[in-house]
Amino acid sequence: MPKPDEETESMRKELTSLVEKCREEQKKMCDTQDFGPASSIPKGKATTRKQLKGHINKVTCCHFAGDSRHAVTGSLDGKLIIWDCWTGNKTMIIPLRSAWVMTAVFAPSGNLVGCGGMDNMLTVYDINNRDSSGVAKMIREFLGYEGFLSSCRFLDDTKVVTGSGDMKIMEWDIETGNKIKSLDGHNGDVAALSLKPQDNQVFVTGSVDRTIRLWDLRADRCQQVFWGHEADVNSACFHPDGNHFVTCSEDKTSRLWDLRADQELAIYKPPTPNSSFTSCALSVSGRLLFCSSDDASIHIWDLISKTHVGNLCGHENRITQIALAPSGIGLMSSSWDNSVKVWGL
């Protein structure tokens, strides 16, 4: 490596000093991190309800439809599969032009599915209509990305927002195929995106630049920046109350953040020291935190007491993503072991 010049080193030290001063001022505003006494969690045991078999390569992503019954998974075998999670049957298989899929999501209505990855594009399918070959009709391909597509969420059946490896957040009009807006702010690949439950114009994104940023599509710019993670932020998930969100990272921690306090409230660490987290989710009550890990298990914490309450085990390789059913009755996990599991909660 070339030796850094004195001016660069001086600027780096000054920037580090400013960051530390900001964090100190932030801590002064944090009156407490004690959530107070918590009621006990009802006893119960999460078990595997269905093991969904059909993919023949690593499964990279999963997402539930709004009906909590159907779900979509994407795999490096070059296929999306639509599942009926109640029966465990496949309802549709969609062959992809590129096998390198990184995200696949349902629209809230369940009418559309979007996917993308290393092909640097977003593809949207209408699963209620079929083309001449009998598979779901592709209604739109969105080009214009300069990096991989890592995350995607439908606002409704007419608009979609994405995060990508070119450090941009983009909003698209599905009917016209036009880009509505492109938002800049991150200094690294965007890796995660979560919509606010009460207002889908507001969302948070996580990035390899170690920050989480809050956006409002009506304001066209970043609203808040959250610092704290020491490595890539892999996943983010809003709390049901809309005032908090959780994240997980390669730094082997998951964290709880408060929008109103503009800072971190709690850190959750696994009992096993070498478990990096890939994805996170919250129960519909907001009480339980789930984090999937590269140790092939899903870690569970009580969000209030911050205690680790157990693991969901059964996968044989890295778990790539987890998704909670909107009804809260089930959790889905996808893995490098080529399988998908649905857990009853």
Protein backbone atom coordinates (compact mmCIF):
# COMPACT_ATOMS: atom_id res chain seq x y z
CA MET A 1 0.00 0.00 0.00
CA PRO A 2 1.23 3.51 -0.77
CA LYS A 3 2.21 5.55 2.25
CA PRO A 4 -0.56 8.07 3.10
CA ASP A 5 0.46 11.70 2.83
CA GLU A 6 0.49 13.99 5.86
CA GLU A 7 -2.50 16.05 4.70
CA THR A 8 -4.67 12.95 4.33
CA GLU A 9 -3.66 11.67 7.77
CA SER A 10 -4.37 15.07 9.31
CA MET A 11 -7.84 15.17 7.76
CA ARG A 12 -8.52 11.61 8.90
CA LYS A 13 -7.60 12.46 12.50
CA GLU A 14 -9.74 15.60 12.39
CA LEU A 15 -12.71 13.66 11.05
CA THR A 16 -12.28 10.97 13.72
CA SER A 17 -12.18 13.66 16.39
CA LEU A 18 -15.38 15.24 15.07
CA VAL A 19 -17.14 11.87 15.02
CA GLU A 20 -16.16 11.22 18.64
CA LYS A 21 -17.40 14.68 19.69
CA CYS A 22 -20.74 14.01 17.97
CA ARG A 23 -21.08 10.68 19.76
CA GLU A 24 -20.28 12.27 23.11
CA GLU A 25 -22.94 14.93 22.57
CA GLN A 26 -25.37 12.23 21.54
CA LYS A 27 -24.70 10.21 24.70
CA LYS A 28 -25.45 13.28 26.82
CA MET A 29 -29.00 13.25 25.43
CA CYS A 30 -29.50 9.58 26.31
CA ASP A 31 -31.13 9.72 29.74
CA THR A 32 -31.42 5.94 30.14
CA GLN A 33 -31.02 2.63 28.35
CA ASP A 34 -33.00 0.77 30.99
CA PHE A 35 -36.40 -0.21 29.64
CA GLY A 36 -37.69 -0.97 33.15
CA PRO A 37 -39.24 -4.20 34.41
CA ALA A 38 -40.64 -6.44 31.71
CA SER A 39 -43.41 -8.97 31.89
CA SER A 40 -42.40 -12.55 31.20
CA ILE A 41 -42.71 -13.92 27.70
CA PRO A 42 -45.43 -16.57 27.33
CA LYS A 43 -43.94 -20.04 27.19
CA GLY A 44 -43.93 -21.67 23.83
CA LYS A 45 -41.67 -23.44 21.40
CA ALA A 46 -41.13 -22.50 17.77
CA THR A 47 -40.94 -25.54 15.54
CA THR A 48 -40.44 -26.28 11.86
CA ARG A 49 -43.90 -26.47 10.29
CA LYS A 50 -42.83 -26.97 6.69
CA GLN A 51 -39.59 -27.69 4.88
CA LEU A 52 -39.93 -26.40 1.33
CA LYS A 53 -37.89 -28.42 -1.14
CA GLY A 54 -37.44 -27.51 -4.78
CA HIS A 55 -34.33 -25.41 -5.22
CA ILE A 56 -31.14 -27.16 -6.32
CA ASN A 57 -28.67 -24.42 -5.36
CA LYS A 58 -28.17 -21.86 -2.59
CA VAL A 59 -31.37 -20.01 -1.68
CA THR A 60 -30.52 -16.33 -1.31
CA CYS A 61 -33.81 -14.61 -0.42
CA CYS A 62 -37.38 -15.08 0.78
CA HIS A 63 -40.44 -12.92 1.37
CA PHE A 64 -44.06 -13.42 2.40
CA ALA A 65 -47.09 -12.12 0.50
CA GLY A 66 -49.64 -9.99 2.32
CA ASP A 67 -51.94 -12.98 2.87
CA SER A 68 -49.28 -14.70 5.07
CA ARG A 69 -49.90 -17.88 3.10
CA HIS A 70 -47.88 -17.46 -0.07
CA ALA A 71 -44.20 -16.65 -0.29
CA VAL A 72 -41.49 -16.21 -2.90
CA THR A 73 -37.92 -17.50 -2.76
CA GLY A 74 -34.98 -16.87 -5.09
CA SER A 75 -32.01 -19.13 -5.65
CA LEU A 76 -28.73 -19.37 -7.52
CA ASP A 77 -30.36 -22.18 -9.52
CA GLY A 78 -31.86 -19.34 -11.58
CA LYS A 79 -35.45 -19.72 -10.45
CA LEU A 80 -38.04 -17.97 -8.34
CA ILE A 81 -40.53 -20.28 -6.66
CA ILE A 82 -43.94 -19.18 -5.38
CA TRP A 83 -44.97 -21.39 -2.45
CA ASP A 84 -48.17 -22.19 -0.64
CA CYS A 85 -46.73 -22.31 2.87
CA TRP A 86 -49.81 -23.99 4.33
CA THR A 87 -49.50 -27.06 2.13
CA GLY A 88 -45.79 -26.84 1.30
CA ASN A 89 -46.56 -27.05 -2.41
CA LYS A 90 -45.11 -24.97 -5.22
CA THR A 91 -47.72 -22.86 -6.99
CA MET A 92 -45.43 -21.40 -9.65
CA ILE A 93 -41.83 -21.57 -10.88
CA ILE A 94 -40.39 -18.54 -12.68
CA PRO A 95 -37.14 -19.09 -14.64
CA LEU A 96 -34.82 -16.07 -14.52
CA ARG A 97 -32.50 -14.69 -17.18
CA SER A 98 -29.76 -14.36 -14.56
CA ALA A 99 -29.14 -16.88 -11.80
CA TRP A 100 -27.47 -14.30 -9.54
CA VAL A 101 -30.62 -13.20 -7.74
CA MET A 102 -30.12 -11.33 -4.45
CA THR A 103 -33.62 -10.08 -3.64
CA ALA A 104 -37.14 -11.27 -4.39
CA VAL A 105 -40.25 -9.67 -2.88
CA PHE A 106 -44.04 -9.71 -3.12
CA ALA A 107 -46.14 -6.60 -3.56
CA PRO A 108 -48.51 -6.15 -0.58
CA SER A 109 -51.45 -7.08 -2.83
CA GLY A 110 -49.84 -10.37 -3.82
CA ASN A 111 -50.30 -9.57 -7.52
CA LEU A 112 -46.70 -8.72 -8.36
CA VAL A 113 -43.27 -10.12 -7.63
CA GLY A 114 -40.02 -8.21 -8.10
CA CYS A 115 -36.47 -9.55 -8.19
CA GLY A 116 -32.94 -8.58 -9.06
CA GLY A 117 -29.30 -9.10 -8.21
CA MET A 118 -26.01 -9.21 -10.05
CA ASP A 119 -27.79 -8.56 -13.36
CA ASN A 120 -28.00 -4.88 -12.30
CA MET A 121 -31.71 -4.62 -13.02
CA LEU A 122 -35.11 -4.96 -11.38
CA THR A 123 -37.59 -7.33 -13.03
CA VAL A 124 -41.29 -7.30 -12.14
CA TYR A 125 -43.66 -10.21 -12.85
CA ASP A 126 -47.46 -10.34 -12.78
CA ILE A 127 -48.20 -13.73 -11.24
CA ASN A 128 -51.90 -13.54 -12.15
CA ASN A 129 -51.14 -13.49 -15.88
CA ARG A 130 -49.06 -15.92 -17.90
CA ASP A 131 -47.13 -15.54 -21.12
CA SER A 132 -47.15 -17.90 -24.10
CA SER A 133 -44.79 -20.32 -22.34
CA GLY A 134 -47.12 -20.60 -19.36
CA VAL A 135 -44.99 -18.79 -16.76
CA ALA A 136 -45.72 -15.52 -14.96
CA LYS A 137 -45.79 -12.60 -17.36
CA MET A 138 -42.86 -10.21 -17.09
CA ILE A 139 -44.38 -6.73 -17.16
CA ARG A 140 -41.33 -4.53 -16.69
CA GLU A 141 -37.53 -4.50 -16.58
CA PHE A 142 -35.91 -1.49 -14.94
CA LEU A 143 -32.42 -0.67 -16.16
CA GLY A 144 -30.15 2.15 -15.06
CA TYR A 145 -28.31 0.56 -12.15
CA GLU A 146 -24.53 0.79 -12.02
CA GLY A 147 -24.29 -1.92 -9.38
CA PHE A 148 -26.10 -5.01 -8.15
CA LEU A 149 -29.66 -4.80 -6.83
CA SER A 150 -29.61 -5.73 -3.15
CA SER A 151 -33.00 -4.72 -1.79
CA CYS A 152 -36.46 -3.89 -3.08
CA ARG A 153 -39.89 -3.05 -1.63
CA PHE A 154 -43.20 -2.31 -3.34
CA LEU A 155 -45.02 0.79 -2.13
CA ASP A 156 -48.11 -0.49 -3.97
CA ASP A 157 -48.86 -2.07 -7.35
CA THR A 158 -47.71 1.07 -9.17
CA LYS A 159 -44.48 2.09 -7.40
CA VAL A 160 -41.37 0.36 -6.10
CA VAL A 161 -38.28 1.55 -4.23
CA THR A 162 -34.86 -0.14 -4.42
CA GLY A 163 -31.37 -0.03 -2.93
CA SER A 164 -28.33 -1.08 -4.93
CA GLY A 165 -24.58 -1.49 -5.12
CA ASP A 166 -24.15 1.88 -6.83
CA MET A 167 -24.96 3.52 -3.44
CA LYS A 168 -28.30 4.84 -4.72
CA ILE A 169 -31.92 4.55 -3.63
CA MET A 170 -34.34 4.71 -6.57
CA GLU A 171 -38.10 4.98 -6.88
CA TRP A 172 -39.75 3.65 -10.06
CA ASP A 173 -43.16 3.90 -11.69
CA ILE A 174 -44.14 0.36 -12.66
CA GLU A 175 -46.83 1.36 -15.16
CA THR A 176 -44.63 3.71 -17.21
CA GLY A 177 -41.22 2.22 -16.45
CA ASN A 178 -39.89 5.69 -15.59
CA LYS A 179 -37.55 6.51 -12.75
CA ILE A 180 -39.34 8.87 -10.36
CA LYS A 181 -36.29 9.81 -8.31
CA SER A 182 -32.77 8.80 -7.36
CA LEU A 183 -31.47 9.54 -3.86
CA ASP A 184 -27.80 9.81 -2.89
CA GLY A 185 -26.30 9.71 0.58
CA HIS A 186 -24.61 6.40 1.33
CA ASN A 187 -20.88 6.01 0.79
CA GLY A 188 -21.04 2.29 0.10
CA ASP A 189 -23.28 -0.43 -1.30
CA VAL A 190 -26.87 -0.27 -0.02
CA ALA A 191 -27.57 -3.67 1.52
CA ALA A 192 -30.92 -3.37 3.33
CA LEU A 193 -34.22 -1.50 3.15
CA SER A 194 -37.26 -1.45 5.45
CA LEU A 195 -40.49 0.55 5.08
CA LYS A 196 -42.16 2.27 8.02
CA PRO A 197 -45.38 0.35 8.84
CA GLN A 198 -47.57 3.46 9.25
CA ASP A 199 -46.17 5.42 6.29
CA ASN A 200 -44.45 3.68 3.38
CA GLN A 201 -43.04 6.96 2.10
CA VAL A 202 -40.58 6.72 5.01
CA PHE A 203 -37.94 3.99 5.16
CA VAL A 204 -34.50 3.13 6.49
CA THR A 205 -31.55 1.72 4.56
CA GLY A 206 -28.41 -0.05 5.77
CA SER A 207 -25.10 -0.03 3.97
CA VAL A 208 -21.56 -1.36 3.89
CA ASP A 209 -20.53 2.18 4.91
CA ARG A 210 -21.64 1.05 8.43
CA THR A 211 -24.46 3.59 8.65
CA ILE A 212 -28.25 3.43 8.64
CA ARG A 213 -30.09 6.30 7.01
CA LEU A 214 -33.71 7.44 7.29
CA TRP A 215 -35.38 8.70 4.10
CA ASP A 216 -38.67 10.39 3.22
CA LEU A 217 -39.64 10.21 -0.44
CA ARG A 218 -41.54 13.50 -0.08
CA ALA A 219 -38.40 15.33 1.06
CA ASP A 220 -36.03 13.90 -1.58
CA ARG A 221 -33.14 13.64 0.83
CA CYS A 222 -31.76 11.76 3.84
CA GLN A 223 -33.47 12.78 7.09
CA GLN A 224 -31.27 11.11 9.73
CA VAL A 225 -28.00 9.19 9.90
CA PHE A 226 -27.33 6.54 12.56
CA TRP A 227 -23.76 5.53 13.48
CA GLY A 228 -22.64 2.67 15.70
CA HIS A 229 -22.04 -0.53 13.77
CA GLU A 230 -18.40 -1.42 13.18
CA ALA A 231 -18.92 -3.39 9.96
CA ASP A 232 -21.39 -3.82 7.07
CA VAL A 233 -25.05 -3.39 7.99
CA ASN A 234 -26.74 -6.41 6.39
CA SER A 235 -30.38 -5.96 7.37
CA ALA A 236 -32.84 -3.51 8.89
CA CYS A 237 -36.40 -3.94 10.13
CA PHE A 238 -38.85 -1.37 11.48
CA HIS A 239 -40.51 -1.98 14.83
CA PRO A 240 -44.33 -2.23 14.60
CA ASP A 241 -44.68 1.07 16.49
CA GLY A 242 -42.84 2.94 13.71
CA ASN A 243 -40.63 4.84 16.16
CA HIS A 244 -37.87 2.24 16.40
CA PHE A 245 -36.02 -0.13 14.13
CA VAL A 246 -33.47 -2.93 14.49
CA THR A 247 -30.41 -3.74 12.43
CA CYS A 248 -27.87 -6.54 12.23
CA SER A 249 -24.32 -6.48 11.01
CA GLU A 250 -21.13 -8.31 10.16
CA ASP A 251 -19.79 -6.90 13.46
CA LYS A 252 -21.67 -9.76 15.19
CA THR A 253 -24.24 -7.50 16.82
CA SER A 254 -27.85 -6.52 16.38
CA ARG A 255 -28.94 -3.07 17.57
CA LEU A 256 -32.13 -1.24 18.48
CA TRP A 257 -32.46 2.40 17.41
CA ASP A 258 -34.91 5.20 18.28
CA LEU A 259 -35.89 7.75 15.63
CA ARG A 260 -37.00 10.33 18.19
CA ALA A 261 -33.85 10.06 20.32
CA ASP A 262 -31.71 9.89 17.16
CA GLN A 263 -29.53 7.16 18.63
CA GLU A 264 -28.91 3.55 19.58
CA LEU A 265 -30.85 2.15 22.53
CA ALA A 266 -29.53 -1.39 22.93
CA ILE A 267 -27.00 -3.89 21.61
CA TYR A 268 -27.78 -7.61 21.30
CA LYS A 269 -24.90 -10.09 21.13
CA PRO A 270 -25.09 -13.85 20.59
CA PRO A 271 -23.73 -16.31 23.17
CA THR A 272 -21.48 -17.72 20.44
CA PRO A 273 -18.70 -15.22 19.67
CA ASN A 274 -18.22 -16.01 15.98
CA SER A 275 -21.77 -15.58 14.72
CA SER A 276 -22.17 -12.86 12.10
CA PHE A 277 -25.75 -11.83 11.32
CA THR A 278 -27.29 -11.84 7.87
CA SER A 279 -30.92 -10.79 8.43
CA CYS A 280 -33.25 -9.59 11.19
CA ALA A 281 -36.98 -9.50 11.91
CA LEU A 282 -39.33 -8.55 14.75
CA SER A 283 -42.44 -10.30 16.01
CA VAL A 284 -45.72 -8.44 15.39
CA SER A 285 -45.85 -7.61 19.11
CA GLY A 286 -42.42 -6.04 18.81
CA ARG A 287 -41.22 -8.08 21.79
CA LEU A 288 -39.05 -10.71 20.09
CA LEU A 289 -36.02 -10.05 17.90
CA PHE A 290 -34.94 -12.70 15.39
CA CYS A 291 -31.53 -12.68 13.71
CA SER A 292 -30.34 -15.25 11.20
CA SER A 293 -26.68 -16.11 11.24
CA ASP A 294 -23.91 -17.74 9.28
CA ASP A 295 -23.76 -20.33 12.11
CA ALA A 296 -26.89 -21.92 10.52
CA SER A 297 -29.26 -20.88 13.31
CA ILE A 298 -31.72 -18.10 14.09
CA HIS A 299 -30.99 -16.28 17.35
CA ILE A 300 -33.89 -14.93 19.44
CA TRP A 301 -33.80 -12.13 22.03
CA ASP A 302 -36.31 -10.51 24.32
CA LEU A 303 -36.11 -6.95 23.01
CA ILE A 304 -36.89 -5.38 26.41
CA SER A 305 -34.82 -7.47 28.82
CA LYS A 306 -32.07 -7.88 26.16
CA THR A 307 -31.71 -11.55 27.11
CA HIS A 308 -30.95 -14.24 24.54
CA VAL A 309 -33.90 -16.62 24.82
CA GLY A 310 -32.99 -19.34 22.33
CA ASN A 311 -32.13 -20.50 18.83
CA LEU A 312 -34.03 -22.02 15.96
CA CYS A 313 -31.83 -24.81 14.58
CA GLY A 314 -32.26 -27.11 11.62
CA HIS A 315 -30.39 -25.58 8.69
CA GLU A 316 -27.04 -27.07 7.72
CA ASN A 317 -25.39 -23.96 6.27
CA ARG A 318 -25.47 -20.16 6.38
CA ILE A 319 -28.98 -18.68 6.63
CA THR A 320 -29.23 -15.91 4.05
CA GLN A 321 -32.53 -14.27 4.94
CA ILE A 322 -35.54 -14.49 7.24
CA ALA A 323 -39.03 -13.07 6.70
CA LEU A 324 -41.92 -12.79 9.14
CA ALA A 325 -45.47 -13.44 7.94
CA PRO A 326 -47.58 -10.24 8.22
CA SER A 327 -49.99 -12.12 10.50
CA GLY A 328 -47.09 -12.99 12.81
CA ILE A 329 -47.84 -16.70 12.93
CA GLY A 330 -44.84 -17.86 10.93
CA LEU A 331 -41.21 -17.15 10.12
CA MET A 332 -39.50 -18.20 6.89
CA SER A 333 -35.78 -18.79 6.44
CA SER A 334 -33.67 -19.40 3.34
CA SER A 335 -30.23 -20.98 3.38
CA TRP A 336 -27.15 -22.02 1.49
CA ASP A 337 -28.17 -25.64 2.24
CA ASN A 338 -30.64 -25.26 -0.71
CA SER A 339 -33.64 -25.43 1.60
CA VAL A 340 -36.38 -23.13 2.87
CA LYS A 341 -38.03 -23.62 6.25
CA VAL A 342 -41.26 -22.22 7.67
CA TRP A 343 -41.29 -21.96 11.46
CA GLY A 344 -44.47 -21.80 13.52
CA LEU A 345 -44.36 -19.15 16.24
